[in-house]
Amino acid sequence: MKTVQTKPNANVFRDLGFPPAEAENLRIRAAMMNALIAEIEKKGLTQAQAAKLLGVTQPRVSDLMRGRLHLFSIDALVNFLGAAGLRVTLRVGRAA
């Protein structure tokens, strides 16, 4: 197994060899997913309760909680975050 070292705030997906645009998309989705998981855990919601809050099925919440990043678009995650009472902000800057 190859060990990859990254700098703080680096894009691990880029380090893993993903093309720049895909790596950025994955980084954004991962950050959004982590924020949503943290909010669900903070509120102490069961998967069934979270599903009701987000307007999805419990298996969909299970996919979320298991980190199945490839199953969630940025649009879906923005909608889930809003349903959970979180605000999504956007900041655009130059790539490092």
Protein backbone atom coordinates (compact mmCIF):
# COMPACT_ATOMS: atom_id res chain seq x y z
CA MET A 1 0.00 0.00 0.00
CA LYS A 2 1.38 3.38 -1.02
CA THR A 3 1.54 6.09 1.64
CA VAL A 4 0.61 9.59 0.50
CA GLN A 5 1.61 12.63 2.53
CA THR A 6 -0.29 15.85 2.10
CA LYS A 7 0.18 19.39 3.28
CA PRO A 8 -2.42 20.89 5.63
CA ASN A 9 -5.47 22.09 3.64
CA ALA A 10 -4.24 20.18 0.59
CA ASN A 11 -6.61 18.24 -1.63
CA VAL A 12 -6.09 14.58 -0.82
CA PHE A 13 -8.03 13.61 -3.95
CA ARG A 14 -5.53 15.48 -6.11
CA ASP A 15 -2.72 13.71 -4.26
CA LEU A 16 -4.39 10.40 -5.07
CA GLY A 17 -4.13 11.20 -8.78
CA PHE A 18 -7.58 12.52 -9.65
CA PRO A 19 -7.65 15.21 -12.36
CA PRO A 20 -7.85 18.74 -10.89
CA ALA A 21 -11.54 19.37 -11.64
CA GLU A 22 -12.65 15.99 -10.33
CA ALA A 23 -10.44 16.32 -7.25
CA GLU A 24 -12.01 19.68 -6.43
CA ASN A 25 -15.52 18.29 -6.88
CA LEU A 26 -14.70 15.38 -4.56
CA ARG A 27 -13.14 17.72 -1.98
CA ILE A 28 -16.24 19.91 -1.91
CA ARG A 29 -18.63 16.96 -1.68
CA ALA A 30 -16.56 15.38 1.11
CA ALA A 31 -16.57 18.61 3.14
CA MET A 32 -20.32 18.96 2.72
CA MET A 33 -20.92 15.32 3.62
CA ASN A 34 -18.74 15.61 6.73
CA ALA A 35 -20.66 18.71 7.86
CA LEU A 36 -23.97 16.92 7.39
CA ILE A 37 -22.83 13.80 9.24
CA ALA A 38 -21.54 15.96 12.09
CA GLU A 39 -24.90 17.77 12.31
CA ILE A 40 -26.86 14.52 12.37
CA GLU A 41 -24.60 13.17 15.11
CA LYS A 42 -24.73 16.45 17.06
CA LYS A 43 -28.52 16.33 17.05
CA GLY A 44 -28.42 12.67 18.09
CA LEU A 45 -30.75 11.65 15.28
CA THR A 46 -31.39 8.06 14.33
CA GLN A 47 -31.11 7.26 10.64
CA ALA A 48 -34.90 7.11 10.44
CA GLN A 49 -35.22 10.56 12.04
CA ALA A 50 -32.52 11.96 9.77
CA ALA A 51 -34.27 10.48 6.74
CA LYS A 52 -37.51 12.20 7.69
CA LEU A 53 -35.71 15.52 8.25
CA LEU A 54 -33.89 15.29 4.91
CA GLY A 55 -36.86 13.94 2.95
CA VAL A 56 -35.13 10.74 1.87
CA THR A 57 -35.23 7.05 2.77
CA GLN A 58 -33.33 5.52 5.67
CA PRO A 59 -31.08 3.50 3.29
CA ARG A 60 -30.09 6.81 1.66
CA VAL A 61 -29.07 8.16 5.08
CA SER A 62 -27.15 4.93 5.67
CA ASP A 63 -25.19 5.58 2.46
CA LEU A 64 -24.48 9.10 3.68
CA MET A 65 -23.33 7.98 7.14
CA ARG A 66 -21.08 5.33 5.58
CA GLY A 67 -19.36 8.00 3.48
CA ARG A 68 -20.44 6.73 0.08
CA LEU A 69 -19.36 9.94 -1.58
CA HIS A 70 -19.94 8.73 -5.14
CA LEU A 71 -23.70 8.44 -4.49
CA PHE A 72 -24.25 12.14 -3.69
CA SER A 73 -24.12 15.16 -5.98
CA ILE A 74 -23.27 18.65 -4.81
CA ASP A 75 -26.89 19.63 -5.46
CA ALA A 76 -28.26 16.84 -3.27
CA LEU A 77 -25.85 17.68 -0.46
CA VAL A 78 -26.77 21.39 -0.60
CA ASN A 79 -30.44 20.42 -0.31
CA PHE A 80 -29.73 18.07 2.62
CA LEU A 81 -27.69 20.72 4.43
CA GLY A 82 -30.48 23.24 4.01
CA ALA A 83 -33.06 20.75 5.30
CA ALA A 84 -30.83 20.14 8.31
CA GLY A 85 -30.84 23.86 9.07
CA LEU A 86 -27.32 24.55 7.87
CA ARG A 87 -26.30 27.33 5.53
CA VAL A 88 -23.95 26.69 2.62
CA THR A 89 -21.60 29.48 1.62
CA LEU A 90 -19.29 29.70 -1.36
CA ARG A 91 -15.85 31.22 -1.61
CA VAL A 92 -13.91 31.15 -4.87
CA GLY A 93 -10.19 31.77 -5.09
CA ARG A 94 -7.12 30.92 -7.09
CA ALA A 95 -5.85 27.35 -6.98
CA ALA A 96 -2.63 26.85 -5.09
